[in-house]
Amino acid sequence: MANLEILGGPDAGRTYQIDSGRLIVGRGDECDIRINEGSISRHHAALEYADGVWVVEDLGSANGVFVDGTPVQRCEVRGRVAIQFGSVDAVLDAEAEAVGLAPVSPAPAAAASPGPAAATITTSTAAAAAARRRDSAGDAIGDIREMAEVSTRIATEFGRVIVGQRQVLEELLVAIAAGGHCLMIGLPGLAKTLMVNTLAKILRLRFKRIQFTPDLMPSDIIGTDVLEVNEETGQKTFRFIKGPIFTNMLLADEINRTPPKTQAALLEAMQERQVTVANQLFPLPPPFFVLATQNPLEQEGTYPLPEAQLDRFMFNIVVDYPEADEEERIVMATTGRQETDLAEVLTAQHLLDLQDTVRQLPVSAHVVKYATRLVRMTRPKSEAVPQFIKDHVHVGAGPRAAQFLVLGAKARAVLQGRLNVSCEDVRALALPVLRHRIFTNFTADSEGIGPDDLIRQLLAAVPEPSEKDY
């Protein structure tokens, strides 16, 4: 027999004396141990006594199960350990079984409410468990919960230079946290370059800008070998001079104004984070992001990006006109003397840690199912696809779209300080992930129907998974 003490949430102070067998922990009415708190899934975890040891198992919960601050899927428990179901702290004491002590007798009904001594023990246990989690340098939970404040500070600094465009900032931050690249489409004069430069300063990243032109060569981006002659010996050697791509944040300005050969120079860098020159590999400094801009109206002298390169971009971000009051503030701020010293909120190493945290964050199977279903419904030949997709889409999105939807949803949750990834996160990112991966046919073009219109219809037509999928 073991004791399970609930230390947080609405059931704080409750103690369960559990015997052998398999018990389900969750917020469902049918659960053996019911914890009615928002971060708890319907069937969150299981506690099982098998072969003389207690086992804690995560049942695919949205917010995970943590033993002594470490996320687990299935873990054997001995002695007294701190357990966290979602955001609810608990302590499982299996020490009586582990050291051969007599099982604890069931508590009488009158003692169901803990007295002062029990309350003191509970409080000290909670403090000890919290201290262990805080003292862990790589504690992902603490990092995630702090990210809401960090994101607010980034937005505040960003707003000192850029008026409005908060949706663009959110999508840029999500892509950076997920380690993806962005294609920004907007008319000239909407501060696309200034946005990227400002964000690089706030995140303390090395920033370089390349103006793409029809005569730009791949060596102008990657770098080139130069011939050097030793003045003393006369020996000739080649030395590689690194190009502007060796940076943290690269702005490819008007990427569609350069020929495909030069555009392709970015493919290896974007996917592999390295470049190849004269059969030698040169790794790019982490973190590495490509933020490309494109003018939606200028058609003459442009080279549309091939589908393979479009698919490398995690997001297609549309930069639109500012609101009327925002435009007035822009004019007031930019027609006078303005000097803004931006505070550095994060560093390159912090971003690498953030990307690692995003990758480690567990995600529920029903969120993955929803993202995958949404992407499959963009393909005209898929089963049960809506009729409006069959009528207006030539080619739908590939598997990379579902990967970016889930990864972006995880990054969005982390940036908001949440431990749970929901279908709402997937819906919020459907437009930037899918709009450049859906190719409309002539019927859609003739009727003025674009990818954004189809994605909005798709979000309304594709339901979330039902409770049986949780």
Protein backbone atom coordinates (compact mmCIF):
# COMPACT_ATOMS: atom_id res chain seq x y z
CA MET A 1 0.00 0.00 0.00
CA ALA A 2 1.17 3.54 -0.73
CA ASN A 3 0.03 7.11 -0.05
CA LEU A 4 -0.67 9.74 -2.70
CA GLU A 5 -0.84 13.32 -1.38
CA ILE A 6 -2.27 16.07 -3.59
CA LEU A 7 -0.39 19.30 -2.88
CA GLY A 8 -1.85 21.72 -5.43
CA GLY A 9 -5.05 22.64 -7.23
CA PRO A 10 -8.60 22.52 -5.81
CA ASP A 11 -7.93 19.09 -4.22
CA ALA A 12 -4.87 20.26 -2.27
CA GLY A 13 -4.51 18.47 1.07
CA ARG A 14 -6.35 15.32 -0.01
CA THR A 15 -4.60 12.01 0.70
CA TYR A 16 -5.31 8.71 -1.04
CA GLN A 17 -4.26 5.36 0.42
CA ILE A 18 -3.87 3.14 -2.63
CA ASP A 19 -3.52 -0.62 -2.74
CA SER A 20 -2.35 -3.01 -5.46
CA GLY A 21 -3.93 -2.87 -8.90
CA ARG A 22 -4.18 -0.19 -11.59
CA LEU A 23 -5.69 3.21 -10.80
CA ILE A 24 -6.49 5.95 -13.32
CA VAL A 25 -5.76 9.60 -12.46
CA GLY A 26 -7.65 12.28 -14.39
CA ARG A 27 -10.52 14.75 -14.42
CA GLY A 28 -13.07 12.28 -15.82
CA ASP A 29 -15.88 11.22 -13.51
CA GLU A 30 -14.99 7.59 -14.09
CA CYS A 31 -11.37 7.99 -12.87
CA ASP A 32 -10.28 6.25 -9.67
CA ILE A 33 -8.43 9.39 -8.51
CA ARG A 34 -10.24 12.46 -9.83
CA ILE A 35 -8.40 15.79 -9.99
CA ASN A 36 -10.70 18.50 -11.31
CA GLU A 37 -8.17 21.02 -12.60
CA GLY A 38 -7.76 22.57 -16.04
CA SER A 39 -4.30 21.17 -16.81
CA ILE A 40 -5.43 17.59 -16.11
CA SER A 41 -6.53 15.45 -19.06
CA ARG A 42 -9.62 13.27 -18.90
CA HIS A 43 -7.43 10.18 -18.50
CA HIS A 44 -4.14 11.73 -17.45
CA ALA A 45 -2.01 8.99 -15.81
CA ALA A 46 -2.10 5.54 -14.29
CA LEU A 47 -0.64 4.22 -11.03
CA GLU A 48 0.01 0.48 -11.07
CA TYR A 49 1.49 -1.94 -8.56
CA ALA A 50 3.24 -4.76 -10.41
CA ASP A 51 6.03 -7.17 -9.44
CA GLY A 52 6.49 -5.50 -6.08
CA VAL A 53 7.00 -1.95 -7.38
CA TRP A 54 4.79 1.03 -8.16
CA VAL A 55 4.78 2.32 -11.75
CA VAL A 56 3.65 5.76 -12.94
CA GLU A 57 2.48 5.91 -16.56
CA ASP A 58 1.51 8.90 -18.72
CA LEU A 59 -1.67 8.07 -20.67
CA GLY A 60 -0.96 10.54 -23.48
CA SER A 61 -1.88 13.58 -21.40
CA ALA A 62 -1.80 17.09 -22.82
CA ASN A 63 0.42 18.54 -20.06
CA GLY A 64 2.58 15.56 -19.16
CA VAL A 65 3.61 13.67 -16.03
CA PHE A 66 6.79 14.61 -14.18
CA VAL A 67 8.65 12.60 -11.54
CA ASP A 68 11.06 14.72 -9.49
CA GLY A 69 10.86 17.39 -12.20
CA THR A 70 11.66 15.03 -15.10
CA PRO A 71 9.01 14.31 -17.78
CA VAL A 72 8.26 10.57 -17.98
CA GLN A 73 6.18 8.21 -20.08
CA ARG A 74 6.49 5.17 -17.80
CA CYS A 75 8.59 5.16 -14.65
CA GLU A 76 9.14 2.86 -11.68
CA VAL A 77 8.80 4.61 -8.32
CA ARG A 78 10.59 3.64 -5.12
CA GLY A 79 10.51 5.51 -1.85
CA ARG A 80 9.05 9.00 -1.69
CA VAL A 81 9.02 11.04 -4.90
CA ALA A 82 7.48 14.29 -6.10
CA ILE A 83 5.00 13.81 -8.95
CA GLN A 84 3.40 16.47 -11.08
CA PHE A 85 0.23 15.77 -13.06
CA GLY A 86 -0.02 18.70 -15.46
CA SER A 87 0.45 21.68 -13.13
CA VAL A 88 -0.80 19.86 -10.01
CA ASP A 89 1.89 18.86 -7.48
CA ALA A 90 1.62 15.58 -5.60
CA VAL A 91 3.79 13.19 -3.59
CA LEU A 92 3.70 9.42 -3.94
CA ASP A 93 5.05 7.60 -0.88
CA ALA A 94 5.79 3.96 -1.66
CA GLU A 95 8.37 3.70 1.16
CA ALA A 96 6.20 1.40 3.30
CA GLU A 97 6.32 -1.24 0.59
CA ALA A 98 9.92 -0.55 -0.34
CA VAL A 99 11.38 -1.14 3.17
CA GLY A 100 8.91 -3.82 4.24
CA LEU A 101 6.98 -1.81 6.78
CA ALA A 102 3.42 -2.66 7.67
CA PRO A 103 0.80 -1.23 5.34
CA VAL A 104 -0.93 1.93 6.47
CA SER A 105 -4.39 1.34 7.90
CA PRO A 106 -7.26 3.19 6.28
CA ALA A 107 -7.89 6.49 7.99
CA PRO A 108 -11.20 6.88 9.84
CA ALA A 109 -13.81 9.16 8.34
CA ALA A 110 -13.38 11.71 11.12
CA ALA A 111 -9.72 12.07 10.18
CA ALA A 112 -10.38 12.79 6.52
CA SER A 113 -9.54 16.43 7.03
CA PRO A 114 -5.87 16.79 7.96
CA GLY A 115 -5.02 18.30 11.33
CA PRO A 116 -2.33 20.89 12.00
CA ALA A 117 0.47 18.32 12.03
CA ALA A 118 -0.65 16.84 8.72
CA ALA A 119 -0.95 20.31 7.25
CA THR A 120 2.63 21.07 8.36
CA ILE A 121 3.93 17.91 6.73
CA THR A 122 2.04 18.67 3.53
CA THR A 123 3.39 22.20 3.38
CA SER A 124 6.99 21.13 3.98
CA THR A 125 6.69 18.37 1.40
CA ALA A 126 5.38 20.82 -1.19
CA ALA A 127 8.19 23.25 -0.43
CA ALA A 128 10.79 20.48 -0.73
CA ALA A 129 9.36 19.29 -4.03
CA ALA A 130 9.24 22.85 -5.38
CA ALA A 131 12.81 23.49 -4.21
CA ARG A 132 14.04 20.39 -6.02
CA ARG A 133 12.45 21.57 -9.24
CA ARG A 134 13.83 25.10 -8.89
CA ASP A 135 17.32 23.82 -8.15
CA SER A 136 17.37 21.73 -11.32
CA ALA A 137 19.29 23.83 -13.85
CA GLY A 138 17.60 22.21 -16.80
CA ASP A 139 14.10 22.33 -15.39
CA ALA A 140 11.93 22.69 -18.47
CA ILE A 141 8.79 23.49 -16.50
CA GLY A 142 10.29 26.56 -14.87
CA ASP A 143 11.65 27.75 -18.21
CA ILE A 144 8.26 27.43 -19.86
CA ARG A 145 6.43 29.28 -17.11
CA GLU A 146 8.94 32.13 -17.28
CA MET A 147 8.56 32.49 -21.06
CA ALA A 148 5.27 34.39 -20.76
CA GLU A 149 7.11 37.22 -19.00
CA VAL A 150 10.03 37.03 -21.43
CA SER A 151 7.67 37.23 -24.41
CA THR A 152 6.01 40.30 -22.91
CA ARG A 153 9.39 42.00 -22.50
CA ILE A 154 10.28 41.22 -26.12
CA ALA A 155 6.96 42.67 -27.30
CA THR A 156 7.52 45.79 -25.19
CA GLU A 157 10.97 46.41 -26.65
CA PHE A 158 9.71 45.64 -30.15
CA GLY A 159 6.89 48.15 -29.70
CA ARG A 160 9.38 50.93 -28.93
CA VAL A 161 10.44 50.83 -32.60
CA ILE A 162 7.62 49.11 -34.49
CA VAL A 163 4.06 50.42 -34.12
CA GLY A 164 1.43 47.66 -34.27
CA GLN A 165 2.14 44.45 -36.24
CA ARG A 166 1.74 42.30 -33.10
CA GLN A 167 0.45 39.35 -35.14
CA VAL A 168 3.59 39.48 -37.29
CA LEU A 169 5.78 39.60 -34.17
CA GLU A 170 4.01 36.60 -32.64
CA GLU A 171 4.46 34.53 -35.80
CA LEU A 172 8.12 35.53 -36.06
CA LEU A 173 8.77 34.55 -32.44
CA VAL A 174 6.98 31.22 -32.86
CA ALA A 175 9.08 30.40 -35.92
CA ILE A 176 12.31 31.37 -34.15
CA ALA A 177 11.40 29.31 -31.07
CA ALA A 178 10.65 26.35 -33.34
CA GLY A 179 13.86 26.83 -35.35
CA GLY A 180 12.02 27.55 -38.61
CA HIS A 181 12.41 30.08 -41.42
CA CYS A 182 9.91 32.72 -42.55
CA LEU A 183 8.82 34.20 -45.86
CA MET A 184 7.43 37.70 -45.32
CA ILE A 185 5.18 39.10 -48.04
CA GLY A 186 4.21 42.74 -47.99
CA LEU A 187 4.28 45.96 -49.96
CA PRO A 188 7.32 48.27 -49.84
CA GLY A 189 7.48 50.66 -46.91
CA LEU A 190 5.82 48.40 -44.32
CA ALA A 191 9.02 48.13 -42.21
CA LYS A 192 9.76 44.47 -42.96
CA THR A 193 13.51 45.03 -42.83
CA LEU A 194 13.24 47.20 -39.71
CA MET A 195 11.19 44.50 -37.95
CA VAL A 196 13.83 41.84 -38.53
CA ASN A 197 16.69 44.16 -37.57
CA THR A 198 14.90 45.23 -34.38
CA LEU A 199 14.19 41.63 -33.40
CA ALA A 200 17.84 40.69 -33.95
CA LYS A 201 18.95 43.46 -31.57
CA ILE A 202 16.47 42.41 -28.88
CA LEU A 203 17.61 38.78 -29.14
CA ARG A 204 21.30 39.73 -29.36
CA LEU A 205 21.79 37.91 -32.66
CA ARG A 206 24.21 38.68 -35.45
CA PHE A 207 22.20 40.16 -38.32
CA LYS A 208 23.05 40.53 -41.98
CA ARG A 209 21.00 41.67 -44.94
CA ILE A 210 21.40 40.64 -48.57
CA GLN A 211 19.67 42.60 -51.31
CA PHE A 212 18.74 40.04 -53.94
CA THR A 213 19.19 41.31 -57.49
CA PRO A 214 19.16 39.62 -60.93
CA ASP A 215 22.97 39.62 -61.10
CA LEU A 216 23.54 38.18 -57.61
CA MET A 217 25.68 35.03 -57.67
CA PRO A 218 25.71 32.09 -55.19
CA SER A 219 29.25 33.01 -54.14
CA ASP A 220 27.96 36.44 -53.11
CA ILE A 221 25.88 34.65 -50.47
CA ILE A 222 27.96 31.65 -49.44
CA GLY A 223 31.47 32.98 -49.95
CA THR A 224 34.33 32.15 -52.26
CA ASP A 225 37.91 30.87 -52.41
CA VAL A 226 40.59 33.49 -52.96
CA LEU A 227 44.12 32.84 -54.13
CA GLU A 228 46.83 33.89 -51.71
CA VAL A 229 50.55 34.01 -52.48
CA ASN A 230 53.18 33.70 -49.77
CA GLU A 231 55.59 36.58 -50.37
CA GLU A 232 58.55 34.70 -48.91
CA THR A 233 58.15 31.28 -50.54
CA GLY A 234 55.95 32.16 -53.48
CA GLN A 235 53.61 29.30 -52.56
CA LYS A 236 50.03 29.73 -53.73
CA THR A 237 47.09 28.58 -51.63
CA PHE A 238 43.34 29.05 -51.63
CA ARG A 239 41.59 30.51 -48.61
CA PHE A 240 37.82 30.49 -48.14
CA ILE A 241 36.28 33.88 -47.42
CA LYS A 242 32.94 33.40 -45.68
CA GLY A 243 29.93 35.16 -47.15
CA PRO A 244 27.11 36.99 -45.34
CA ILE A 245 25.22 33.70 -44.81
CA PHE A 246 27.50 33.00 -41.83
CA THR A 247 25.34 34.83 -39.34
CA ASN A 248 22.48 34.12 -36.94
CA MET A 249 19.66 36.00 -38.66
CA LEU A 250 19.84 36.47 -42.41
CA LEU A 251 17.43 38.79 -44.18
CA ALA A 252 17.05 37.82 -47.84
CA ASP A 253 15.47 41.00 -49.16
CA GLU A 254 13.29 40.59 -52.28
CA ILE A 255 14.32 36.98 -52.70
CA ASN A 256 12.20 36.57 -55.83
CA ARG A 257 14.30 39.08 -57.78
CA THR A 258 17.25 36.70 -58.20
CA PRO A 259 17.52 33.68 -60.56
CA PRO A 260 16.80 30.12 -59.36
CA LYS A 261 20.51 29.23 -59.27
CA THR A 262 21.14 31.84 -56.61
CA GLN A 263 17.91 31.06 -54.77
CA ALA A 264 19.03 27.42 -54.56
CA ALA A 265 22.18 28.50 -52.71
CA LEU A 266 19.97 28.89 -49.64
CA LEU A 267 18.44 25.39 -49.78
CA GLU A 268 21.26 23.50 -48.08
CA ALA A 269 21.75 26.25 -45.52
CA MET A 270 18.06 26.32 -44.59
CA GLN A 271 17.68 22.55 -44.27
CA GLU A 272 21.09 21.31 -43.10
CA ARG A 273 22.44 24.46 -41.40
CA GLN A 274 25.64 24.11 -43.41
CA VAL A 275 27.13 25.07 -46.78
CA THR A 276 29.37 23.09 -49.11
CA VAL A 277 32.22 24.80 -50.93
CA ALA A 278 34.85 22.88 -52.94
CA ASN A 279 33.75 19.60 -51.32
CA GLN A 280 34.25 21.04 -47.85
CA LEU A 281 31.46 21.44 -45.31
CA PHE A 282 31.20 24.62 -43.31
CA PRO A 283 28.63 24.57 -40.46
CA LEU A 284 26.62 27.72 -39.88
CA PRO A 285 26.68 29.35 -36.44
CA PRO A 286 23.65 28.33 -34.36
CA PRO A 287 20.99 29.53 -34.13
CA PHE A 288 20.40 30.24 -37.82
CA PHE A 289 17.29 31.77 -39.34
CA VAL A 290 16.43 32.91 -42.85
CA LEU A 291 13.80 35.64 -43.08
CA ALA A 292 13.03 36.35 -46.73
CA THR A 293 10.89 39.20 -48.04
CA GLN A 294 8.88 39.35 -51.22
CA ASN A 295 6.88 42.06 -52.97
CA PRO A 296 3.43 40.65 -53.90
CA LEU A 297 2.79 43.12 -56.75
CA GLU A 298 6.07 43.34 -58.60
CA GLN A 299 6.02 40.71 -61.35
CA GLU A 300 8.40 41.95 -64.07
CA GLY A 301 11.97 40.80 -63.62
CA THR A 302 11.06 38.37 -60.83
CA TYR A 303 11.61 34.64 -60.46
CA PRO A 304 8.92 32.81 -58.46
CA LEU A 305 10.32 30.57 -55.76
CA PRO A 306 10.21 26.86 -56.66
CA GLU A 307 7.89 24.65 -54.62
CA ALA A 308 10.84 22.84 -52.99
CA GLN A 309 12.16 26.09 -51.57
CA LEU A 310 8.74 27.38 -50.58
CA ASP A 311 8.25 24.24 -48.52
CA ARG A 312 11.46 24.99 -46.59
CA PHE A 313 9.83 28.05 -45.07
CA MET A 314 7.89 27.24 -41.92
CA PHE A 315 5.66 30.32 -42.15
CA ASN A 316 4.41 32.58 -44.90
CA ILE A 317 3.76 35.82 -43.00
CA VAL A 318 1.61 38.51 -44.59
CA VAL A 319 2.58 42.04 -43.54
CA ASP A 320 -0.46 44.26 -44.08
CA TYR A 321 -1.15 47.98 -43.83
CA PRO A 322 -1.29 49.46 -40.30
CA GLU A 323 -4.52 50.71 -38.76
CA ALA A 324 -5.38 54.42 -39.07
CA ASP A 325 -4.29 55.36 -35.54
CA GLU A 326 -1.14 53.26 -35.88
CA GLU A 327 -0.22 54.99 -39.13
CA GLU A 328 -0.60 58.40 -37.46
CA ARG A 329 1.75 57.29 -34.66
CA ILE A 330 4.24 56.01 -37.24
CA VAL A 331 4.28 59.34 -39.04
CA MET A 332 4.67 61.27 -35.77
CA ALA A 333 7.50 59.03 -34.58
CA THR A 334 9.48 58.92 -37.83
CA THR A 335 9.35 62.60 -38.84
CA GLY A 336 11.27 63.84 -35.82
CA ARG A 337 14.50 63.00 -34.06
CA GLN A 338 14.32 59.50 -32.70
CA GLU A 339 17.03 57.49 -30.97
CA THR A 340 15.95 54.26 -29.28
CA ASP A 341 18.29 52.10 -27.23
CA LEU A 342 16.83 48.61 -27.18
CA ALA A 343 17.33 46.30 -24.21
CA GLU A 344 18.66 42.82 -25.00
CA VAL A 345 16.13 40.33 -23.64
CA LEU A 346 17.62 37.01 -24.77
CA THR A 347 20.90 35.67 -26.11
CA ALA A 348 21.78 33.11 -28.78
CA GLN A 349 22.35 30.45 -26.12
CA HIS A 350 18.99 31.21 -24.53
CA LEU A 351 17.35 30.72 -27.92
CA LEU A 352 19.05 27.35 -28.35
CA ASP A 353 17.78 26.32 -24.92
CA LEU A 354 14.32 27.57 -25.86
CA GLN A 355 14.33 25.50 -29.05
CA ASP A 356 15.36 22.44 -27.04
CA THR A 357 12.53 23.09 -24.56
CA VAL A 358 10.02 23.30 -27.41
CA ARG A 359 11.20 19.98 -28.80
CA GLN A 360 10.92 18.30 -25.38
CA LEU A 361 7.42 19.57 -24.63
CA PRO A 362 4.99 16.63 -24.86
CA VAL A 363 1.95 16.93 -27.08
CA SER A 364 -1.28 14.98 -26.85
CA ALA A 365 -2.16 12.48 -29.57
CA HIS A 366 -5.44 14.26 -30.33
CA VAL A 367 -3.56 17.48 -31.22
CA VAL A 368 -1.34 15.56 -33.63
CA LYS A 369 -4.43 13.86 -35.06
CA TYR A 370 -6.13 17.23 -35.62
CA ALA A 371 -3.08 18.76 -37.32
CA THR A 372 -2.62 15.73 -39.56
CA ARG A 373 -6.32 15.61 -40.45
CA LEU A 374 -6.28 19.32 -41.31
CA VAL A 375 -3.33 18.87 -43.68
CA ARG A 376 -4.76 15.76 -45.33
CA MET A 377 -7.99 17.63 -46.04
CA THR A 378 -6.06 20.06 -48.29
CA ARG A 379 -5.38 17.30 -50.82
CA PRO A 380 -8.08 16.98 -53.51
CA LYS A 381 -7.64 13.20 -53.83
CA SER A 382 -7.82 12.37 -50.12
CA GLU A 383 -10.77 10.50 -48.67
CA ALA A 384 -13.70 12.53 -47.30
CA VAL A 385 -12.14 15.78 -48.52
CA PRO A 386 -14.59 18.73 -48.66
CA GLN A 387 -16.06 19.52 -52.07
CA PHE A 388 -14.69 23.07 -52.09
CA ILE A 389 -11.16 21.61 -51.90
CA LYS A 390 -11.82 19.30 -54.85
CA ASP A 391 -13.21 22.21 -56.86
CA HIS A 392 -10.47 24.77 -56.17
CA VAL A 393 -7.19 23.06 -55.23
CA HIS A 394 -4.67 21.63 -57.66
CA VAL A 395 -2.08 20.37 -55.13
CA GLY A 396 -2.39 20.30 -51.34
CA ALA A 397 0.11 20.44 -48.49
CA GLY A 398 2.65 17.70 -47.74
CA PRO A 399 3.66 16.04 -44.46
CA ARG A 400 6.04 18.87 -43.59
CA ALA A 401 2.99 21.09 -43.08
CA ALA A 402 1.70 18.83 -40.29
CA GLN A 403 5.17 18.76 -38.72
CA PHE A 404 5.32 22.56 -38.70
CA LEU A 405 1.76 22.84 -37.36
CA VAL A 406 2.58 20.67 -34.34
CA LEU A 407 6.02 22.19 -33.79
CA GLY A 408 4.62 25.70 -34.10
CA ALA A 409 1.77 24.87 -31.70
CA LYS A 410 4.30 23.67 -29.14
CA ALA A 411 6.38 26.83 -29.59
CA ARG A 412 3.28 29.03 -29.23
CA ALA A 413 2.35 27.30 -25.98
CA VAL A 414 5.86 27.71 -24.59
CA LEU A 415 6.00 31.41 -25.50
CA GLN A 416 2.73 31.93 -23.64
CA GLY A 417 4.04 30.09 -20.59
CA ARG A 418 1.72 27.10 -20.99
CA LEU A 419 2.54 23.44 -20.49
CA ASN A 420 -0.38 22.21 -22.59
CA VAL A 421 -0.60 22.27 -26.38
CA SER A 422 -4.16 22.58 -27.67
CA CYS A 423 -5.98 22.41 -31.00
CA GLU A 424 -6.47 26.18 -30.69
CA ASP A 425 -2.69 26.58 -31.10
CA VAL A 426 -2.89 24.58 -34.32
CA ARG A 427 -5.78 26.68 -35.63
CA ALA A 428 -3.94 29.91 -34.81
CA LEU A 429 -1.04 28.88 -37.05
CA ALA A 430 -2.97 27.27 -39.90
CA LEU A 431 -2.83 30.34 -42.16
CA PRO A 432 0.94 31.02 -42.05
CA VAL A 433 1.78 27.30 -42.32
CA LEU A 434 -0.61 26.35 -45.13
CA ARG A 435 -1.06 29.43 -47.33
CA HIS A 436 2.13 28.80 -49.35
CA ARG A 437 1.59 25.03 -49.52
CA ILE A 438 -1.85 25.05 -51.17
CA PHE A 439 -1.82 25.64 -54.92
CA THR A 440 -5.15 26.71 -56.37
CA ASN A 441 -6.40 25.78 -59.83
CA PHE A 442 -7.79 27.90 -62.65
CA THR A 443 -11.33 27.73 -61.27
CA ALA A 444 -10.25 29.28 -57.97
CA ASP A 445 -8.16 31.94 -59.71
CA SER A 446 -11.02 32.90 -62.02
CA GLU A 447 -13.42 33.21 -59.06
CA GLY A 448 -10.97 35.22 -56.98
CA ILE A 449 -10.60 32.51 -54.33
CA GLY A 450 -7.19 32.39 -52.68
CA PRO A 451 -5.48 29.94 -50.30
CA ASP A 452 -6.46 32.01 -47.23
CA ASP A 453 -10.16 31.73 -48.15
CA LEU A 454 -9.87 27.96 -48.50
CA ILE A 455 -7.98 27.57 -45.22
CA ARG A 456 -10.65 29.51 -43.31
CA GLN A 457 -13.36 27.30 -44.83
CA LEU A 458 -11.30 24.25 -43.93
CA LEU A 459 -10.95 25.33 -40.29
CA ALA A 460 -14.73 25.60 -40.10
CA ALA A 461 -15.29 22.25 -41.85
CA VAL A 462 -12.74 20.03 -40.05
CA PRO A 463 -13.83 19.24 -36.47
CA GLU A 464 -11.52 18.62 -33.55
CA PRO A 465 -11.07 14.98 -32.49
CA SER A 466 -13.81 13.67 -30.20
CA GLU A 467 -13.35 12.59 -26.59
CA LYS A 468 -12.52 9.02 -27.61
CA ASP A 469 -9.34 10.35 -29.22
CA TYR A 470 -8.12 11.95 -25.98
